[in-house]
Amino acid sequence: MIPSRSMPSCITNSTTDLVKCRDDFHLWSQTYDRQLDDVFAIQDEVVAAVWATFFSIGARHVASRQMIPTARKASA
C-alpha cells in the first residue's frame, strides 16, 4: 500500500497492489481516495478487497491445475 498526501489533509489517496513475489507479476491494483474520518474503516475496506481478490485468484489457480494422483502405501 502506497499512501500519498497530494490531496487536502482530510483526504487520503492510497494504492494497493497485489504482486506475485516469485516473478513480480502484477495481479491486481486498486486506488482509494477516502476521507480520513475513520482510518480503521478505510483499512477494513482495503483488507476486504485484497482478501477477496486473493481468494478469487487462488480459486482460479487451483481449478486450472491438473490434480496428480499420489501413490498410497498398501496397509500390512
N, C-alpha and C. Protein backbone atom coordinates (compact mmCIF):
# COMPACT_ATOMS: atom_id res chain seq x y z
N MET A 1 0.84 -1.15 0.00
CA MET A 1 0.00 0.00 0.00
C MET A 1 0.89 1.22 0.00
N ILE A 2 0.62 2.17 -0.90
CA ILE A 2 1.44 3.36 -1.03
C ILE A 2 0.57 4.58 -0.74
N PRO A 3 0.70 5.16 0.45
CA PRO A 3 -0.10 6.34 0.77
C PRO A 3 0.48 7.59 0.12
N SER A 4 -0.39 8.54 -0.14
CA SER A 4 0.04 9.81 -0.73
C SER A 4 -0.73 10.94 -0.06
N ARG A 5 -0.08 12.09 0.06
CA ARG A 5 -0.74 13.23 0.66
C ARG A 5 -0.83 14.35 -0.35
N SER A 6 -1.08 14.03 -1.59
CA SER A 6 -1.17 15.03 -2.64
C SER A 6 -2.50 15.78 -2.62
N MET A 7 -3.43 15.31 -1.85
CA MET A 7 -4.74 15.92 -1.74
C MET A 7 -4.81 16.70 -0.43
N PRO A 8 -5.90 17.42 -0.20
CA PRO A 8 -6.05 18.12 1.09
C PRO A 8 -5.87 17.16 2.26
N SER A 9 -5.44 17.68 3.38
CA SER A 9 -5.05 16.84 4.51
C SER A 9 -6.18 15.97 5.06
N CYS A 10 -7.42 16.26 4.78
CA CYS A 10 -8.52 15.45 5.30
C CYS A 10 -8.86 14.27 4.38
N ILE A 11 -8.17 14.15 3.26
CA ILE A 11 -8.41 13.05 2.31
C ILE A 11 -7.11 12.29 2.10
N THR A 12 -7.21 10.97 2.07
CA THR A 12 -6.04 10.14 1.79
C THR A 12 -6.19 9.48 0.43
N ASN A 13 -5.08 9.33 -0.23
CA ASN A 13 -5.03 8.65 -1.51
C ASN A 13 -4.02 7.53 -1.34
N SER A 14 -4.44 6.30 -1.55
CA SER A 14 -3.52 5.18 -1.43
C SER A 14 -3.78 4.18 -2.55
N THR A 15 -2.71 3.53 -2.96
CA THR A 15 -2.80 2.50 -3.99
C THR A 15 -2.33 1.19 -3.39
N THR A 16 -3.11 0.15 -3.59
CA THR A 16 -2.77 -1.17 -3.09
C THR A 16 -2.53 -2.08 -4.28
N ASP A 17 -1.41 -2.80 -4.26
CA ASP A 17 -1.04 -3.72 -5.33
C ASP A 17 -0.89 -5.12 -4.78
N LEU A 18 -1.32 -6.10 -5.57
CA LEU A 18 -1.10 -7.50 -5.25
C LEU A 18 -0.15 -8.03 -6.32
N VAL A 19 1.07 -8.40 -5.89
CA VAL A 19 2.12 -8.79 -6.81
C VAL A 19 2.65 -10.16 -6.42
N LYS A 20 2.83 -11.03 -7.42
CA LYS A 20 3.40 -12.35 -7.16
C LYS A 20 4.89 -12.20 -6.93
N CYS A 21 5.36 -12.58 -5.76
CA CYS A 21 6.76 -12.37 -5.37
C CYS A 21 7.74 -13.14 -6.23
N ARG A 22 7.35 -14.32 -6.66
CA ARG A 22 8.28 -15.18 -7.41
C ARG A 22 8.79 -14.50 -8.67
N ASP A 23 7.91 -13.80 -9.40
CA ASP A 23 8.33 -13.21 -10.67
C ASP A 23 7.89 -11.75 -10.84
N ASP A 24 7.46 -11.11 -9.76
CA ASP A 24 7.00 -9.71 -9.79
C ASP A 24 5.83 -9.49 -10.75
N PHE A 25 5.04 -10.52 -10.99
CA PHE A 25 3.88 -10.40 -11.87
C PHE A 25 2.78 -9.63 -11.15
N HIS A 26 2.29 -8.59 -11.79
CA HIS A 26 1.26 -7.73 -11.21
C HIS A 26 -0.10 -8.40 -11.37
N LEU A 27 -0.74 -8.74 -10.25
CA LEU A 27 -2.02 -9.45 -10.28
C LEU A 27 -3.22 -8.51 -10.18
N TRP A 28 -3.08 -7.44 -9.38
CA TRP A 28 -4.24 -6.59 -9.09
C TRP A 28 -3.78 -5.28 -8.50
N SER A 29 -4.54 -4.22 -8.75
CA SER A 29 -4.24 -2.92 -8.17
C SER A 29 -5.54 -2.15 -7.99
N GLN A 30 -5.61 -1.37 -6.93
CA GLN A 30 -6.78 -0.54 -6.67
C GLN A 30 -6.32 0.74 -5.99
N THR A 31 -6.88 1.87 -6.40
CA THR A 31 -6.57 3.15 -5.77
C THR A 31 -7.77 3.59 -4.95
N TYR A 32 -7.49 4.08 -3.76
CA TYR A 32 -8.53 4.51 -2.83
C TYR A 32 -8.33 5.98 -2.49
N ASP A 33 -9.35 6.80 -2.71
CA ASP A 33 -9.38 8.20 -2.29
C ASP A 33 -10.50 8.30 -1.25
N ARG A 34 -10.13 8.48 -0.01
CA ARG A 34 -11.13 8.45 1.06
C ARG A 34 -10.92 9.58 2.05
N GLN A 35 -12.01 10.01 2.68
CA GLN A 35 -11.95 10.95 3.79
C GLN A 35 -11.29 10.26 4.97
N LEU A 36 -10.55 11.00 5.75
CA LEU A 36 -9.87 10.42 6.91
C LEU A 36 -10.74 10.44 8.16
N ASP A 37 -12.05 10.35 8.00
CA ASP A 37 -12.95 10.33 9.15
C ASP A 37 -12.69 9.13 10.04
N ASP A 38 -12.48 7.97 9.42
CA ASP A 38 -12.26 6.74 10.18
C ASP A 38 -11.21 5.90 9.46
N VAL A 39 -9.98 6.02 9.91
CA VAL A 39 -8.86 5.32 9.28
C VAL A 39 -9.08 3.81 9.31
N PHE A 40 -9.67 3.30 10.39
CA PHE A 40 -9.86 1.85 10.50
C PHE A 40 -10.92 1.35 9.52
N ALA A 41 -11.88 2.16 9.17
CA ALA A 41 -12.87 1.78 8.16
C ALA A 41 -12.20 1.67 6.79
N ILE A 42 -11.28 2.58 6.50
CA ILE A 42 -10.52 2.51 5.25
C ILE A 42 -9.69 1.24 5.23
N GLN A 43 -9.03 0.95 6.34
CA GLN A 43 -8.22 -0.26 6.45
C GLN A 43 -9.07 -1.50 6.22
N ASP A 44 -10.25 -1.55 6.84
CA ASP A 44 -11.14 -2.71 6.66
C ASP A 44 -11.55 -2.87 5.20
N GLU A 45 -11.83 -1.76 4.52
CA GLU A 45 -12.24 -1.82 3.11
C GLU A 45 -11.10 -2.35 2.24
N VAL A 46 -9.89 -1.88 2.48
CA VAL A 46 -8.74 -2.32 1.69
C VAL A 46 -8.46 -3.79 1.95
N VAL A 47 -8.46 -4.20 3.21
CA VAL A 47 -8.18 -5.61 3.55
C VAL A 47 -9.23 -6.53 2.93
N ALA A 48 -10.51 -6.14 2.99
CA ALA A 48 -11.57 -6.96 2.40
C ALA A 48 -11.37 -7.11 0.89
N ALA A 49 -10.98 -6.03 0.21
CA ALA A 49 -10.76 -6.09 -1.23
C ALA A 49 -9.56 -6.97 -1.58
N VAL A 50 -8.49 -6.86 -0.80
CA VAL A 50 -7.30 -7.68 -1.05
C VAL A 50 -7.62 -9.15 -0.83
N TRP A 51 -8.29 -9.49 0.26
CA TRP A 51 -8.63 -10.89 0.53
C TRP A 51 -9.55 -11.46 -0.53
N ALA A 52 -10.57 -10.69 -0.94
CA ALA A 52 -11.50 -11.17 -1.98
C ALA A 52 -10.74 -11.44 -3.28
N THR A 53 -9.85 -10.55 -3.64
CA THR A 53 -9.07 -10.74 -4.86
C THR A 53 -8.12 -11.91 -4.73
N PHE A 54 -7.45 -12.01 -3.59
CA PHE A 54 -6.51 -13.09 -3.34
C PHE A 54 -7.19 -14.45 -3.45
N PHE A 55 -8.35 -14.60 -2.82
CA PHE A 55 -9.05 -15.89 -2.86
C PHE A 55 -9.64 -16.16 -4.24
N SER A 56 -10.07 -15.13 -4.94
CA SER A 56 -10.57 -15.31 -6.29
C SER A 56 -9.47 -15.82 -7.22
N ILE A 57 -8.29 -15.21 -7.12
CA ILE A 57 -7.16 -15.64 -7.93
C ILE A 57 -6.73 -17.04 -7.53
N GLY A 58 -6.68 -17.32 -6.23
CA GLY A 58 -6.30 -18.65 -5.74
C GLY A 58 -7.26 -19.72 -6.21
N ALA A 59 -8.56 -19.44 -6.19
CA ALA A 59 -9.56 -20.42 -6.63
C ALA A 59 -9.40 -20.72 -8.11
N ARG A 60 -9.12 -19.68 -8.92
CA ARG A 60 -8.91 -19.91 -10.35
C ARG A 60 -7.65 -20.73 -10.59
N HIS A 61 -6.61 -20.48 -9.79
CA HIS A 61 -5.36 -21.22 -9.94
C HIS A 61 -5.57 -22.69 -9.61
N VAL A 62 -6.25 -22.97 -8.51
CA VAL A 62 -6.49 -24.36 -8.10
C VAL A 62 -7.36 -25.07 -9.13
N ALA A 63 -8.38 -24.39 -9.65
CA ALA A 63 -9.27 -25.01 -10.63
C ALA A 63 -8.55 -25.32 -11.94
N SER A 64 -7.51 -24.52 -12.26
CA SER A 64 -6.82 -24.73 -13.53
C SER A 64 -5.70 -25.76 -13.43
N ARG A 65 -5.30 -26.13 -12.22
CA ARG A 65 -4.22 -27.11 -12.05
C ARG A 65 -4.73 -28.52 -12.30
N GLN A 66 -3.88 -29.35 -12.86
CA GLN A 66 -4.24 -30.75 -13.01
C GLN A 66 -3.87 -31.45 -11.71
N MET A 67 -4.77 -32.21 -11.21
CA MET A 67 -4.51 -32.93 -9.97
C MET A 67 -3.75 -34.21 -10.32
N ILE A 68 -2.63 -34.44 -9.65
CA ILE A 68 -1.81 -35.62 -9.89
C ILE A 68 -2.07 -36.61 -8.76
N PRO A 69 -2.58 -37.79 -9.09
CA PRO A 69 -2.85 -38.76 -8.04
C PRO A 69 -1.56 -39.20 -7.34
N THR A 70 -1.64 -39.37 -6.06
CA THR A 70 -0.46 -39.83 -5.31
C THR A 70 -0.61 -41.30 -5.01
N ALA A 71 0.54 -42.00 -5.01
CA ALA A 71 0.53 -43.43 -4.71
C ALA A 71 0.31 -43.60 -3.21
N ARG A 72 -0.52 -44.55 -2.86
CA ARG A 72 -0.76 -44.83 -1.44
C ARG A 72 -0.09 -46.13 -1.07
N LYS A 73 0.44 -46.15 0.14
CA LYS A 73 1.08 -47.37 0.61
C LYS A 73 0.02 -48.40 0.95
N ALA A 74 0.31 -49.63 0.60
CA ALA A 74 -0.61 -50.72 0.93
C ALA A 74 -0.48 -51.00 2.42
N SER A 75 -1.61 -51.15 3.09
CA SER A 75 -1.56 -51.45 4.53
C SER A 75 -1.21 -52.91 4.73
N ALA A 76 -0.42 -53.16 5.76
CA ALA A 76 0.06 -54.51 6.02
C ALA A 76 -0.93 -55.32 6.80
